[in-house]
Amino acid sequence: MEKNSNQGFGSLNSLTIVSLDLAKETYGEVLQPVYDKGQNNSTLGALGHYLCITYDRVDLWVMKVYGVKDSWTKLASLPYLHEYGMYNQLVVPSLCISNDEKLILQYRSKLVVYDTHNSSSTRICRKFDGLNEICIFVESLVSPCAPVMPNRLRS
């Protein structure tokens, strides 16, 4: 989204990452890496201790120093893994990354390890019985499942 001085953050044709500093009670924009603006499909997440963003489900970028635009680093350009039925999309951000930069990727009910050094991949699980989604846990002070009480009065 683009920052609009009349309406705050918002646009239908671009993405803005907005940060909130609870200690200072301020908010701001986290600048993105330089990438091909023709790429429209983006996904934001966390990978290890890094902020992570992917474009068109192929290029994986991590922000090595939070808030520093020049610290965005392209970690990998992931291929479509046809041998695992990953034809038109790859579910990214990854579930996790190891110290030797191997990524665990999820596509539907399959798990695949992708080695960023030699561009090889290995399926580690064919199917999760009864599971159709794997979630990433990210520490937060605010629960995404917290009840919303818009009419609550303060005393």
C-alpha atoms as a PDB file:
ATOM      1  CA  MET A   1       0.000   0.000   0.000  1.00  0.00           C
ATOM      2  CA  GLU A   2       1.079   3.558  -0.526  1.00  0.00           C
ATOM      3  CA  LYS A   3       1.040   6.225   2.141  1.00  0.00           C
ATOM      4  CA  ASN A   4      -1.622   8.788   1.343  1.00  0.00           C
ATOM      5  CA  SER A   5      -1.564  11.970   3.437  1.00  0.00           C
ATOM      6  CA  ASN A   6      -5.358  12.305   3.297  1.00  0.00           C
ATOM      7  CA  GLN A   7      -6.270   8.698   4.011  1.00  0.00           C
ATOM      8  CA  GLY A   8      -3.259   7.226   5.856  1.00  0.00           C
ATOM      9  CA  PHE A   9      -1.853   4.018   4.397  1.00  0.00           C
ATOM     10  CA  GLY A  10      -3.718   2.451   1.518  1.00  0.00           C
ATOM     11  CA  SER A  11      -3.743   1.660  -2.162  1.00  0.00           C
ATOM     12  CA  LEU A  12      -4.984  -1.205  -4.274  1.00  0.00           C
ATOM     13  CA  ASN A  13      -1.882  -1.551  -6.434  1.00  0.00           C
ATOM     14  CA  SER A  14       1.096  -1.623  -4.062  1.00  0.00           C
ATOM     15  CA  LEU A  15       2.161  -2.863  -0.629  1.00  0.00           C
ATOM     16  CA  THR A  16       3.442  -0.899   2.365  1.00  0.00           C
ATOM     17  CA  ILE A  17       4.843  -2.561   5.448  1.00  0.00           C
ATOM     18  CA  VAL A  18       3.792  -0.598   8.523  1.00  0.00           C
ATOM     19  CA  SER A  19       5.614  -1.019  11.845  1.00  0.00           C
ATOM     20  CA  LEU A  20       4.399  -0.210  15.339  1.00  0.00           C
ATOM     21  CA  ASP A  21       6.785   0.607  18.197  1.00  0.00           C
ATOM     22  CA  LEU A  22       4.832  -0.106  21.380  1.00  0.00           C
ATOM     23  CA  ALA A  23       7.493   1.391  23.671  1.00  0.00           C
ATOM     24  CA  LYS A  24       7.573   4.748  21.841  1.00  0.00           C
ATOM     25  CA  GLU A  25       3.921   4.595  20.744  1.00  0.00           C
ATOM     26  CA  THR A  26       4.909   5.454  17.175  1.00  0.00           C
ATOM     27  CA  TYR A  27       4.381   3.869  13.789  1.00  0.00           C
ATOM     28  CA  GLY A  28       6.228   4.060  10.504  1.00  0.00           C
ATOM     29  CA  GLU A  29       6.977   2.430   7.204  1.00  0.00           C
ATOM     30  CA  VAL A  30       9.489  -0.402   6.700  1.00  0.00           C
ATOM     31  CA  LEU A  31      11.045   0.112   3.267  1.00  0.00           C
ATOM     32  CA  GLN A  32      11.127  -2.886   0.925  1.00  0.00           C
ATOM     33  CA  PRO A  33      13.965  -4.258  -1.198  1.00  0.00           C
ATOM     34  CA  VAL A  34      14.419  -3.068  -4.755  1.00  0.00           C
ATOM     35  CA  TYR A  35      12.629  -5.572  -6.974  1.00  0.00           C
ATOM     36  CA  ASP A  36      10.791  -5.776 -10.294  1.00  0.00           C
ATOM     37  CA  LYS A  37       7.641  -3.713  -9.699  1.00  0.00           C
ATOM     38  CA  GLY A  38       5.844  -5.884 -12.281  1.00  0.00           C
ATOM     39  CA  GLN A  39       5.758  -8.636  -9.659  1.00  0.00           C
ATOM     40  CA  ASN A  40       2.404  -8.386  -7.918  1.00  0.00           C
ATOM     41  CA  ASN A  41       2.043 -11.378  -5.620  1.00  0.00           C
ATOM     42  CA  SER A  42       3.867 -10.691  -2.378  1.00  0.00           C
ATOM     43  CA  THR A  43       3.855 -12.472   0.972  1.00  0.00           C
ATOM     44  CA  LEU A  44       5.187 -11.031   4.235  1.00  0.00           C
ATOM     45  CA  GLY A  45       6.332 -13.133   7.161  1.00  0.00           C
ATOM     46  CA  ALA A  46       9.128 -14.008   9.558  1.00  0.00           C
ATOM     47  CA  LEU A  47      11.991 -16.381   8.804  1.00  0.00           C
ATOM     48  CA  GLY A  48      14.055 -17.158  11.878  1.00  0.00           C
ATOM     49  CA  HIS A  49      14.768 -13.759  13.434  1.00  0.00           C
ATOM     50  CA  TYR A  50      14.378 -11.907  10.133  1.00  0.00           C
ATOM     51  CA  LEU A  51      11.521 -10.089   8.467  1.00  0.00           C
ATOM     52  CA  CYS A  52      10.863 -11.934   5.227  1.00  0.00           C
ATOM     53  CA  ILE A  53       9.053 -11.048   1.996  1.00  0.00           C
ATOM     54  CA  THR A  54       8.566 -12.963  -1.229  1.00  0.00           C
ATOM     55  CA  TYR A  55       7.499 -11.699  -4.626  1.00  0.00           C
ATOM     56  CA  ASP A  56       5.612 -13.843  -7.106  1.00  0.00           C
ATOM     57  CA  ARG A  57       6.395 -16.806  -4.823  1.00  0.00           C
ATOM     58  CA  VAL A  58       9.904 -17.154  -6.238  1.00  0.00           C
ATOM     59  CA  ASP A  59      12.345 -14.603  -4.750  1.00  0.00           C
ATOM     60  CA  LEU A  60      12.905 -14.841  -0.981  1.00  0.00           C
ATOM     61  CA  TRP A  61      14.253 -11.663   0.678  1.00  0.00           C
ATOM     62  CA  VAL A  62      15.241 -11.205   4.341  1.00  0.00           C
ATOM     63  CA  MET A  63      15.924  -7.960   6.219  1.00  0.00           C
ATOM     64  CA  LYS A  64      19.206  -8.565   8.084  1.00  0.00           C
ATOM     65  CA  VAL A  65      19.014  -5.312  10.114  1.00  0.00           C
ATOM     66  CA  TYR A  66      15.465  -4.324  11.037  1.00  0.00           C
ATOM     67  CA  GLY A  67      14.422  -0.962   9.606  1.00  0.00           C
ATOM     68  CA  VAL A  68      17.481  -0.578   7.331  1.00  0.00           C
ATOM     69  CA  LYS A  69      16.408  -0.702   3.688  1.00  0.00           C
ATOM     70  CA  ASP A  70      19.901  -1.555   2.418  1.00  0.00           C
ATOM     71  CA  SER A  71      19.996  -4.664   4.631  1.00  0.00           C
ATOM     72  CA  TRP A  72      17.428  -6.507   2.462  1.00  0.00           C
ATOM     73  CA  THR A  73      19.241  -9.565   1.082  1.00  0.00           C
ATOM     74  CA  LYS A  74      17.942 -11.975  -1.542  1.00  0.00           C
ATOM     75  CA  LEU A  75      18.323 -15.321   0.209  1.00  0.00           C
ATOM     76  CA  ALA A  76      17.174 -17.472  -2.681  1.00  0.00           C
ATOM     77  CA  SER A  77      15.317 -17.585  -5.964  1.00  0.00           C
ATOM     78  CA  LEU A  78      13.195 -20.672  -5.503  1.00  0.00           C
ATOM     79  CA  PRO A  79      12.211 -22.749  -8.509  1.00  0.00           C
ATOM     80  CA  TYR A  80       8.784 -24.258  -8.959  1.00  0.00           C
ATOM     81  CA  LEU A  81       9.276 -27.780  -7.631  1.00  0.00           C
ATOM     82  CA  HIS A  82       7.415 -29.731 -10.317  1.00  0.00           C
ATOM     83  CA  GLU A  83       8.476 -33.124  -8.967  1.00  0.00           C
ATOM     84  CA  TYR A  84       6.447 -32.439  -5.812  1.00  0.00           C
ATOM     85  CA  GLY A  85       3.373 -31.115  -7.571  1.00  0.00           C
ATOM     86  CA  MET A  86       4.359 -27.480  -6.946  1.00  0.00           C
ATOM     87  CA  TYR A  87       3.585 -26.214 -10.416  1.00  0.00           C
ATOM     88  CA  ASN A  88       2.233 -22.692 -10.262  1.00  0.00           C
ATOM     89  CA  GLN A  89       2.983 -21.615  -6.745  1.00  0.00           C
ATOM     90  CA  LEU A  90       5.237 -22.192  -3.828  1.00  0.00           C
ATOM     91  CA  VAL A  91       4.020 -21.543  -0.309  1.00  0.00           C
ATOM     92  CA  VAL A  92       6.439 -19.025   1.138  1.00  0.00           C
ATOM     93  CA  PRO A  93       7.491 -17.668   3.582  1.00  0.00           C
ATOM     94  CA  SER A  94       9.120 -20.894   4.585  1.00  0.00           C
ATOM     95  CA  LEU A  95       8.285 -22.647   7.797  1.00  0.00           C
ATOM     96  CA  CYS A  96      11.859 -22.321   9.027  1.00  0.00           C
ATOM     97  CA  ILE A  97      15.485 -21.989   7.993  1.00  0.00           C
ATOM     98  CA  SER A  98      18.447 -23.944   9.367  1.00  0.00           C
ATOM     99  CA  ASN A  99      21.893 -22.524  10.173  1.00  0.00           C
ATOM    100  CA  ASP A 100      23.149 -23.888   6.844  1.00  0.00           C
ATOM    101  CA  GLU A 101      20.308 -22.093   4.999  1.00  0.00           C
ATOM    102  CA  LYS A 102      18.109 -25.070   4.224  1.00  0.00           C
ATOM    103  CA  LEU A 103      14.461 -24.047   4.040  1.00  0.00           C
ATOM    104  CA  ILE A 104      11.448 -26.111   5.020  1.00  0.00           C
ATOM    105  CA  LEU A 105       8.672 -25.297   2.568  1.00  0.00           C
ATOM    106  CA  GLN A 106       5.009 -26.229   2.701  1.00  0.00           C
ATOM    107  CA  TYR A 107       2.790 -26.704  -0.323  1.00  0.00           C
ATOM    108  CA  ARG A 108      -0.701 -27.911   0.512  1.00  0.00           C
ATOM    109  CA  SER A 109      -0.111 -31.064   2.593  1.00  0.00           C
ATOM    110  CA  LYS A 110       3.523 -31.637   1.528  1.00  0.00           C
ATOM    111  CA  LEU A 111       6.757 -30.628   3.264  1.00  0.00           C
ATOM    112  CA  VAL A 112       9.947 -30.135   1.254  1.00  0.00           C
ATOM    113  CA  VAL A 113      13.497 -29.208   2.329  1.00  0.00           C
ATOM    114  CA  TYR A 114      15.152 -26.821  -0.136  1.00  0.00           C
ATOM    115  CA  ASP A 115      18.937 -26.334   0.012  1.00  0.00           C
ATOM    116  CA  THR A 116      19.761 -22.753  -1.039  1.00  0.00           C
ATOM    117  CA  HIS A 117      23.448 -23.598  -1.619  1.00  0.00           C
ATOM    118  CA  ASN A 118      23.030 -26.289  -4.278  1.00  0.00           C
ATOM    119  CA  SER A 119      19.390 -25.663  -5.342  1.00  0.00           C
ATOM    120  CA  SER A 120      18.347 -29.207  -4.455  1.00  0.00           C
ATOM    121  CA  SER A 121      15.133 -30.303  -2.801  1.00  0.00           C
ATOM    122  CA  THR A 122      13.959 -33.350  -0.849  1.00  0.00           C
ATOM    123  CA  ARG A 123      10.422 -34.242   0.186  1.00  0.00           C
ATOM    124  CA  ILE A 124      10.298 -34.994   3.914  1.00  0.00           C
ATOM    125  CA  CYS A 125       6.626 -35.772   4.273  1.00  0.00           C
ATOM    126  CA  ARG A 126       4.153 -36.875   1.621  1.00  0.00           C
ATOM    127  CA  LYS A 127       0.921 -35.979   3.364  1.00  0.00           C
ATOM    128  CA  PHE A 128      -0.309 -34.807   6.718  1.00  0.00           C
ATOM    129  CA  ASP A 129      -3.343 -36.891   7.599  1.00  0.00           C
ATOM    130  CA  GLY A 130      -6.087 -34.615   8.836  1.00  0.00           C
ATOM    131  CA  LEU A 131      -4.001 -31.450   8.430  1.00  0.00           C
ATOM    132  CA  ASN A 132      -4.377 -28.985   5.608  1.00  0.00           C
ATOM    133  CA  GLU A 133      -2.439 -26.049   7.031  1.00  0.00           C
ATOM    134  CA  ILE A 134       0.750 -25.564   8.993  1.00  0.00           C
ATOM    135  CA  CYS A 135       1.140 -22.341  10.962  1.00  0.00           C
ATOM    136  CA  ILE A 136       4.214 -20.361  11.904  1.00  0.00           C
ATOM    137  CA  PHE A 137       4.431 -19.154  15.509  1.00  0.00           C
ATOM    138  CA  VAL A 138       5.730 -15.616  15.905  1.00  0.00           C
ATOM    139  CA  GLU A 139       6.119 -14.107  19.377  1.00  0.00           C
ATOM    140  CA  SER A 140       3.861 -11.132  19.968  1.00  0.00           C
ATOM    141  CA  LEU A 141       2.433  -9.068  22.793  1.00  0.00           C
ATOM    142  CA  VAL A 142      -0.937  -9.102  21.051  1.00  0.00           C
ATOM    143  CA  SER A 143      -2.833 -12.321  20.479  1.00  0.00           C
ATOM    144  CA  PRO A 144      -4.337 -12.625  16.991  1.00  0.00           C
ATOM    145  CA  CYS A 145      -7.194 -14.536  18.643  1.00  0.00           C
ATOM    146  CA  ALA A 146      -7.920 -11.929  21.331  1.00  0.00           C
ATOM    147  CA  PRO A 147     -11.595 -11.020  21.621  1.00  0.00           C
ATOM    148  CA  VAL A 148     -12.566  -7.652  20.195  1.00  0.00           C
ATOM    149  CA  MET A 149     -14.714  -5.475  22.445  1.00  0.00           C
ATOM    150  CA  PRO A 150     -15.377  -2.249  20.518  1.00  0.00           C
ATOM    151  CA  ASN A 151     -18.031  -0.921  22.921  1.00  0.00           C
ATOM    152  CA  ARG A 152     -16.070  -1.518  26.113  1.00  0.00           C
ATOM    153  CA  LEU A 153     -16.050   1.525  28.404  1.00  0.00           C
ATOM    154  CA  ARG A 154     -13.032   2.516  30.475  1.00  0.00           C
ATOM    155  CA  SER A 155     -13.620   3.340  34.107  1.00  0.00           C
END
